[in-house]
Amino acid sequence: MLASKLSRNRFCTLLKRCKSTLVIVEHNNEKVTPITLNTVSAASKLGGEISCLVAGSQCAKVAEEVSKIKGVNKVLLADSDAFKGFLPEALAPLLIATQNQFKYSHILAGATAFGKNLIPRVAAKMDVSPISDIIGVESEDTFVRTIYAGNAVQTVKSNDDIKLVTVRGTAFPPAEETGGSAATDKAPVDGISNDLSKFISQELSKSDRPELTSAKTVISGGRGMKNGENFKMLYDLADKMNAAVGASRAAVDAGYVPNDLQVGQTGKIVAPELYIAVGISGAIQHLAGMKDSKVIVAINKDPEAPIFQVADYGLVADLFKVIPEMDGMLK
C-alpha cells in the first residue's frame, strides 16, 4: 500500500511537471499592457510552470518588467525588427517555433485585438480549436466563456493536446507586479521573417485621462447625448473624477466620438469600480461590455430603458440638467 501511494504521488508530481503554460505578453516595447497581468492570473489556475513570451523591437526592458511578476517562472525574449508592429504574420511563426521547442500544454493571450488577431491564426497552423474570451478555468481542459452577448454561459472542454486560449481580462484579478524573479532566455527567433505584410506607422490617440479598459471609473455617453459637442460635459466631469470616457455603439456610429471609446461586445470590455451610463438605453451588446462593473449608475429620461435592469442606482432625469449639477457639486 505504501509503495502504491508513493507511486501515485510520484505520478501526480510528474503530471504537474508536464503541465506548462505560455503567456503571450502584450506591450508597447516600453511597458507591459495591464491585461497581461490578468492573463498570468488565469494561467496560475492551470497549475504547472508559467513562461512568458516577450516579442517586439528593442523590448528588453519589458522582459525585465515581466520577470518580476509573481508566479512567472521563465521569460522568453524575442527582440528583433521582424516583430516591429506586432504583426501576426511574424508572431505566428515565432509562436509555433517556441511551441515546437518547449512543448507547452497551454498558450494564453488576452482577449484584445492583439490576442484575437494572433491566437486563431496560430490555432489554424497547429490544427487545433481556439477557445476564446474565457471568464473561468474549471480544470486544465475545461473553461467557461459567455455566448449570445453574455446572455448565456458556456462550459467548454477541449480534447486537443495543446489549448490555445484568449482570456477576458475583467474576469480575473491582475497578478502582482512584484515578487517574482524569473530567468530570461532567448526565444527561437533564428530564421523567422515576414514577407506577407509590412508595418509602416501608427497614430495613437493620447489623453491625460486613464486608459478606458483599466480605469477605476468610467463615464459613458450614448445616443441621448444628441451630438458630439455635448460630450464635452462628460469630458469635464471625467476630468474632475479622474475617470475615463466611453461611449455606446450608437454614439460611435452616429459620429459623436471616435470608435476607440466604444464599450460593448464589438468594442472594449470594461469592469471599473464605478460605471456611469449617461443617455444609454442599454442594448444587449453594450451590456456585454460593462455589466461586470462593481457599481453601475444609469441616468436616462426613459424609465423603461433596459439599462435600469442591471443598474445598482438609477436616475430617471434629463441628462442635460443632471450632468451640469454633478459638475457643479464636484467644483
Protein backbone atom coordinates (compact mmCIF):
# COMPACT_ATOMS: atom_id res chain seq x y z
CA MET A 1 0.00 0.00 0.00
CA LEU A 2 2.86 2.37 0.86
CA ALA A 3 4.58 1.65 -2.46
CA SER A 4 1.32 2.28 -4.28
CA LYS A 5 0.89 5.62 -2.53
CA LEU A 6 4.45 6.65 -3.35
CA SER A 7 3.93 5.73 -6.98
CA ARG A 8 0.71 7.69 -7.11
CA ASN A 9 2.33 10.75 -5.55
CA ARG A 10 5.25 10.48 -7.94
CA PHE A 11 2.82 10.22 -10.86
CA CYS A 12 1.00 13.35 -9.74
CA THR A 13 4.31 15.19 -9.46
CA LEU A 14 5.32 14.15 -12.97
CA LEU A 15 1.90 15.11 -14.29
CA LYS A 16 2.24 18.56 -12.78
CA ARG A 17 5.62 18.97 -14.41
CA CYS A 18 4.11 18.10 -17.79
CA LYS A 19 1.62 20.95 -17.46
CA SER A 20 3.14 24.24 -18.53
CA THR A 21 1.63 27.45 -19.82
CA LEU A 22 2.98 30.10 -22.16
CA VAL A 23 1.53 33.59 -21.73
CA ILE A 24 1.97 35.93 -24.69
CA VAL A 25 2.89 39.32 -23.29
CA GLU A 26 1.11 42.33 -24.74
CA HIS A 27 3.17 45.52 -24.57
CA ASN A 28 4.28 48.63 -26.48
CA ASN A 29 8.05 47.93 -26.33
CA GLU A 30 8.21 50.17 -23.28
CA LYS A 31 5.73 48.82 -20.75
CA VAL A 32 3.53 45.78 -20.18
CA THR A 33 -0.16 46.21 -21.01
CA PRO A 34 -2.29 45.58 -17.89
CA ILE A 35 -4.25 42.68 -19.43
CA THR A 36 -1.05 40.60 -19.34
CA LEU A 37 -1.30 40.58 -15.54
CA ASN A 38 -4.86 39.24 -15.75
CA THR A 39 -3.73 36.58 -18.21
CA VAL A 40 -0.95 35.46 -15.86
CA SER A 41 -3.56 35.18 -13.12
CA ALA A 42 -5.67 32.94 -15.35
CA ALA A 43 -2.60 30.85 -16.20
CA SER A 44 -1.90 30.29 -12.50
CA LYS A 45 -5.21 28.43 -12.19
CA LEU A 46 -3.98 25.79 -14.64
CA GLY A 47 -1.11 24.61 -12.45
CA GLY A 48 2.41 23.90 -13.62
CA GLU A 49 5.06 26.39 -14.62
CA ILE A 50 4.29 29.70 -16.34
CA SER A 51 6.51 31.12 -19.05
CA CYS A 52 6.02 34.49 -20.74
CA LEU A 53 6.93 35.34 -24.32
CA VAL A 54 8.02 38.94 -24.92
CA ALA A 55 8.28 39.64 -28.65
CA GLY A 56 8.97 43.05 -30.10
CA SER A 57 11.60 45.53 -31.19
CA GLN A 58 14.00 46.89 -28.55
CA CYS A 59 11.84 45.45 -25.79
CA ALA A 60 14.43 44.19 -23.28
CA LYS A 61 13.06 46.48 -20.57
CA VAL A 62 9.66 44.80 -20.97
CA ALA A 63 11.23 41.39 -20.37
CA GLU A 64 12.83 42.74 -17.20
CA GLU A 65 9.45 44.02 -16.02
CA VAL A 66 7.77 40.69 -16.76
CA SER A 67 10.44 38.76 -14.87
CA LYS A 68 9.31 40.48 -11.66
CA ILE A 69 5.64 39.41 -11.99
CA LYS A 70 4.72 37.00 -9.22
CA GLY A 71 4.09 33.48 -10.48
CA VAL A 72 6.19 33.73 -13.65
CA ASN A 73 8.93 31.07 -13.82
CA LYS A 74 10.62 31.95 -17.12
CA VAL A 75 10.71 34.79 -19.64
CA LEU A 76 11.46 34.18 -23.32
CA LEU A 77 12.70 37.27 -25.15
CA ALA A 78 12.35 37.67 -28.92
CA ASP A 79 13.86 41.05 -29.72
CA SER A 80 14.03 41.68 -33.48
CA ASP A 81 12.96 44.22 -36.09
CA ALA A 82 10.93 41.38 -37.65
CA PHE A 83 8.39 41.87 -34.85
CA LYS A 84 8.01 45.60 -35.34
CA GLY A 85 4.34 46.49 -35.16
CA PHE A 86 3.46 43.12 -33.57
CA LEU A 87 2.10 41.75 -36.85
CA PRO A 88 0.58 38.26 -36.56
CA GLU A 89 2.27 37.19 -39.80
CA ALA A 90 5.61 37.45 -37.95
CA LEU A 91 4.49 36.41 -34.47
CA ALA A 92 2.70 33.23 -35.58
CA PRO A 93 5.90 31.51 -36.87
CA LEU A 94 7.69 32.59 -33.67
CA LEU A 95 4.96 31.09 -31.52
CA ILE A 96 4.99 27.84 -33.48
CA ALA A 97 8.79 27.58 -33.22
CA THR A 98 8.57 28.27 -29.49
CA GLN A 99 5.93 25.58 -29.05
CA ASN A 100 7.97 23.06 -31.05
CA GLN A 101 10.93 23.64 -28.75
CA PHE A 102 9.28 23.83 -25.32
CA LYS A 103 6.08 21.75 -25.79
CA TYR A 104 3.65 23.80 -23.70
CA SER A 105 0.28 22.35 -22.74
CA HIS A 106 -1.44 25.75 -22.85
CA ILE A 107 -0.87 29.04 -24.68
CA LEU A 108 -2.75 32.07 -23.37
CA ALA A 109 -3.22 35.63 -24.58
CA GLY A 110 -5.51 38.46 -23.61
CA ALA A 111 -8.83 38.74 -25.43
CA THR A 112 -7.83 42.04 -27.03
CA ALA A 113 -7.40 42.99 -30.68
CA PHE A 114 -3.82 41.70 -30.35
CA GLY A 115 -4.77 38.32 -28.91
CA LYS A 116 -7.80 37.82 -31.14
CA ASN A 117 -5.62 38.53 -34.15
CA LEU A 118 -2.86 36.09 -33.21
CA ILE A 119 -4.37 33.07 -31.42
CA PRO A 120 -6.80 31.94 -34.18
CA ARG A 121 -4.02 32.17 -36.75
CA VAL A 122 -1.69 30.00 -34.65
CA ALA A 123 -4.50 27.58 -33.84
CA ALA A 124 -5.18 27.09 -37.55
CA LYS A 125 -1.48 26.40 -38.16
CA MET A 126 -1.47 23.86 -35.33
CA ASP A 127 -4.80 22.34 -36.40
CA VAL A 128 -6.50 22.85 -33.02
CA SER A 129 -9.62 24.72 -31.96
CA PRO A 130 -9.01 28.02 -30.14
CA ILE A 131 -11.05 28.78 -27.04
CA SER A 132 -11.95 32.45 -26.98
CA ASP A 133 -12.76 35.00 -24.31
CA ILE A 134 -12.82 32.74 -21.25
CA ILE A 135 -14.14 34.05 -17.93
CA GLY A 136 -13.26 31.00 -15.83
CA VAL A 137 -10.99 27.97 -15.54
CA GLU A 138 -12.66 24.77 -14.32
CA SER A 139 -9.68 22.48 -14.92
CA GLU A 140 -6.73 22.12 -17.28
CA ASP A 141 -9.06 21.16 -20.16
CA THR A 142 -12.36 22.82 -19.18
CA PHE A 143 -13.10 26.52 -19.48
CA VAL A 144 -16.05 28.88 -19.02
CA ARG A 145 -16.99 31.55 -21.55
CA THR A 146 -20.04 33.64 -22.39
CA ILE A 147 -22.10 33.41 -25.56
CA TYR A 148 -25.04 35.32 -27.07
CA ALA A 149 -23.65 38.69 -25.95
CA GLY A 150 -23.25 37.46 -22.39
CA ASN A 151 -26.82 36.16 -22.04
CA ALA A 152 -25.65 32.56 -21.65
CA VAL A 153 -22.63 30.93 -20.05
CA GLN A 154 -20.96 28.02 -21.81
CA THR A 155 -18.61 25.42 -20.35
CA VAL A 156 -16.18 24.09 -22.95
CA LYS A 157 -13.97 21.01 -22.69
CA SER A 158 -11.07 20.66 -25.11
CA ASN A 159 -9.50 17.33 -26.05
CA ASP A 160 -6.70 18.94 -28.06
CA ASP A 161 -3.16 18.20 -26.89
CA ILE A 162 -2.47 21.91 -26.70
CA LYS A 163 -5.01 24.51 -25.64
CA LEU A 164 -4.89 27.96 -27.23
CA VAL A 165 -6.96 30.37 -25.17
CA THR A 166 -7.81 34.07 -25.06
CA VAL A 167 -8.65 35.50 -21.64
CA ARG A 168 -11.17 38.19 -20.77
CA GLY A 169 -9.14 40.43 -18.51
CA THR A 170 -12.05 41.71 -16.45
CA ALA A 171 -12.85 38.17 -15.26
CA PHE A 172 -9.51 37.62 -13.49
CA PRO A 173 -7.68 39.75 -10.93
CA PRO A 174 -4.28 41.09 -12.00
CA ALA A 175 -1.20 39.19 -10.86
CA GLU A 176 1.15 41.04 -8.52
CA GLU A 177 3.71 43.07 -10.43
CA THR A 178 6.47 42.38 -7.91
CA GLY A 179 7.71 39.36 -6.02
CA GLY A 180 8.94 37.30 -8.96
CA SER A 181 12.49 36.58 -10.05
CA ALA A 182 12.18 34.68 -13.33
CA ALA A 183 15.19 33.98 -15.52
CA THR A 184 15.23 35.38 -19.06
CA ASP A 185 16.18 33.19 -22.03
CA LYS A 186 16.30 33.83 -25.75
CA ALA A 187 13.31 32.71 -27.79
CA PRO A 188 13.90 30.77 -31.05
CA VAL A 189 13.97 33.72 -33.45
CA ASP A 190 16.53 32.43 -35.95
CA GLY A 191 15.18 32.24 -39.48
CA ILE A 192 11.89 33.96 -38.71
CA SER A 193 10.88 36.67 -41.16
CA ASN A 194 7.73 38.25 -42.53
CA ASP A 195 7.27 38.60 -46.29
CA LEU A 196 3.48 38.85 -46.13
CA SER A 197 2.99 42.25 -44.53
CA LYS A 198 4.94 45.34 -43.53
CA PHE A 199 4.47 47.73 -40.65
CA ILE A 200 4.55 51.34 -41.85
CA SER A 201 3.40 53.53 -38.98
CA GLN A 202 0.68 54.06 -36.42
CA GLU A 203 -1.15 57.03 -35.00
CA LEU A 204 -2.26 56.62 -31.41
CA SER A 205 -4.75 58.85 -29.66
CA LYS A 206 -3.32 60.40 -26.49
CA SER A 207 -5.22 61.52 -23.44
CA ASP A 208 -4.42 62.67 -19.92
CA ARG A 209 -7.36 60.62 -18.69
CA PRO A 210 -6.95 56.99 -17.53
CA GLU A 211 -6.98 54.26 -20.17
CA LEU A 212 -10.52 53.04 -20.76
CA THR A 213 -10.01 49.34 -20.05
CA SER A 214 -8.04 49.88 -16.83
CA ALA A 215 -9.76 52.96 -15.33
CA LYS A 216 -11.42 52.63 -11.93
CA THR A 217 -14.21 54.99 -13.01
CA VAL A 218 -15.80 55.16 -16.46
CA ILE A 219 -18.38 57.67 -17.69
CA SER A 220 -20.07 56.63 -20.93
CA GLY A 221 -22.44 58.52 -23.17
CA GLY A 222 -24.98 57.20 -25.63
CA ARG A 223 -27.36 58.36 -28.31
CA GLY A 224 -29.05 60.55 -25.71
CA MET A 225 -26.09 62.94 -25.85
CA LYS A 226 -27.57 64.09 -29.22
CA ASN A 227 -24.26 65.25 -30.72
CA GLY A 228 -20.51 65.15 -30.28
CA GLU A 229 -20.26 68.65 -28.85
CA ASN A 230 -22.35 67.61 -25.86
CA PHE A 231 -19.75 65.00 -24.92
CA LYS A 232 -17.69 67.92 -23.57
CA MET A 233 -19.93 67.74 -20.50
CA LEU A 234 -18.75 64.19 -19.90
CA TYR A 235 -15.11 65.10 -20.56
CA ASP A 236 -15.27 67.90 -17.98
CA LEU A 237 -16.95 65.63 -15.45
CA ALA A 238 -14.44 62.85 -16.10
CA ASP A 239 -11.50 65.20 -15.54
CA LYS A 240 -12.84 66.08 -12.10
CA MET A 241 -13.40 62.42 -11.21
CA ASN A 242 -10.15 61.12 -12.75
CA ALA A 243 -12.33 58.92 -14.94
CA ALA A 244 -12.14 57.54 -18.46
CA VAL A 245 -14.79 58.38 -21.05
CA GLY A 246 -16.58 55.69 -23.06
CA ALA A 247 -19.50 55.52 -25.45
CA SER A 248 -22.16 53.20 -26.76
CA ARG A 249 -22.05 51.84 -30.28
CA ALA A 250 -24.97 54.08 -31.22
CA ALA A 251 -22.96 57.17 -30.26
CA VAL A 252 -19.92 55.93 -32.19
CA ASP A 253 -21.97 55.03 -35.29
CA ALA A 254 -23.58 58.47 -35.19
CA GLY A 255 -20.11 60.03 -35.31
CA TYR A 256 -20.30 61.67 -31.89
CA VAL A 257 -16.96 60.18 -30.73
CA PRO A 258 -14.17 58.02 -32.23
CA ASN A 259 -14.58 54.24 -32.13
CA ASP A 260 -11.72 53.74 -29.65
CA LEU A 261 -14.19 54.89 -26.96
CA GLN A 262 -16.76 52.20 -27.77
CA VAL A 263 -17.76 49.93 -24.89
CA GLY A 264 -19.57 46.71 -25.70
CA GLN A 265 -19.40 43.34 -27.37
CA THR A 266 -17.85 44.84 -30.52
CA GLY A 267 -15.86 47.41 -28.55
CA LYS A 268 -13.92 47.30 -25.31
CA ILE A 269 -14.79 45.21 -22.26
CA VAL A 270 -14.56 47.17 -19.02
CA ALA A 271 -15.16 46.34 -15.36
CA PRO A 272 -14.41 49.50 -13.35
CA GLU A 273 -15.34 50.07 -9.74
CA LEU A 274 -17.85 52.69 -10.92
CA TYR A 275 -19.58 52.84 -14.31
CA ILE A 276 -21.85 55.79 -15.09
CA ALA A 277 -24.07 55.31 -18.14
CA VAL A 278 -25.43 58.63 -19.42
CA GLY A 279 -28.14 58.63 -22.07
CA ILE A 280 -27.56 54.95 -22.86
CA SER A 281 -30.60 52.74 -23.37
CA GLY A 282 -28.75 49.52 -22.58
CA ALA A 283 -28.70 47.39 -25.72
CA ILE A 284 -27.58 43.79 -25.23
CA GLN A 285 -24.24 44.32 -26.97
CA HIS A 286 -23.43 47.28 -24.73
CA LEU A 287 -24.35 45.44 -21.54
CA ALA A 288 -21.99 42.64 -22.55
CA GLY A 289 -19.10 45.09 -22.30
CA MET A 290 -19.78 46.67 -18.91
CA LYS A 291 -22.12 44.55 -16.78
CA ASP A 292 -19.21 43.19 -14.69
CA SER A 293 -18.64 46.68 -13.28
CA LYS A 294 -18.73 46.78 -9.49
CA VAL A 295 -21.26 49.64 -9.26
CA ILE A 296 -23.41 50.75 -12.21
CA VAL A 297 -25.19 54.11 -12.24
CA ALA A 298 -27.68 54.86 -15.02
CA ILE A 299 -29.00 58.30 -15.99
CA ASN A 300 -31.80 58.22 -18.55
CA LYS A 301 -35.08 60.04 -19.03
CA ASP A 302 -36.82 56.82 -20.19
CA PRO A 303 -37.91 54.82 -17.11
CA GLU A 304 -38.29 51.71 -19.28
CA ALA A 305 -34.71 51.75 -20.56
CA PRO A 306 -33.10 48.28 -20.25
CA ILE A 307 -30.04 49.80 -18.59
CA PHE A 308 -32.02 50.16 -15.37
CA GLN A 309 -32.36 46.37 -15.12
CA VAL A 310 -28.62 46.00 -14.47
CA ALA A 311 -28.00 49.31 -12.72
CA ASP A 312 -27.33 49.47 -8.97
CA TYR A 313 -28.53 53.07 -8.95
CA GLY A 314 -30.84 54.65 -11.49
CA LEU A 315 -31.86 58.24 -12.03
CA VAL A 316 -34.79 58.99 -14.32
CA ALA A 317 -33.99 62.55 -15.38
CA ASP A 318 -32.82 64.81 -18.17
CA LEU A 319 -29.05 64.32 -18.50
CA PHE A 320 -28.64 67.92 -19.70
CA LYS A 321 -29.78 69.07 -16.25
CA VAL A 322 -28.18 66.34 -14.15
CA ILE A 323 -24.64 66.38 -15.56
CA PRO A 324 -24.14 70.17 -15.03
CA GLU A 325 -25.47 69.74 -11.47
CA MET A 326 -22.99 66.92 -10.82
CA ASP A 327 -20.20 69.03 -12.29
CA GLY A 328 -21.13 71.94 -10.04
CA MET A 329 -21.17 69.74 -6.94
CA LEU A 330 -17.68 68.46 -7.72
CA LYS A 331 -16.37 72.00 -8.12
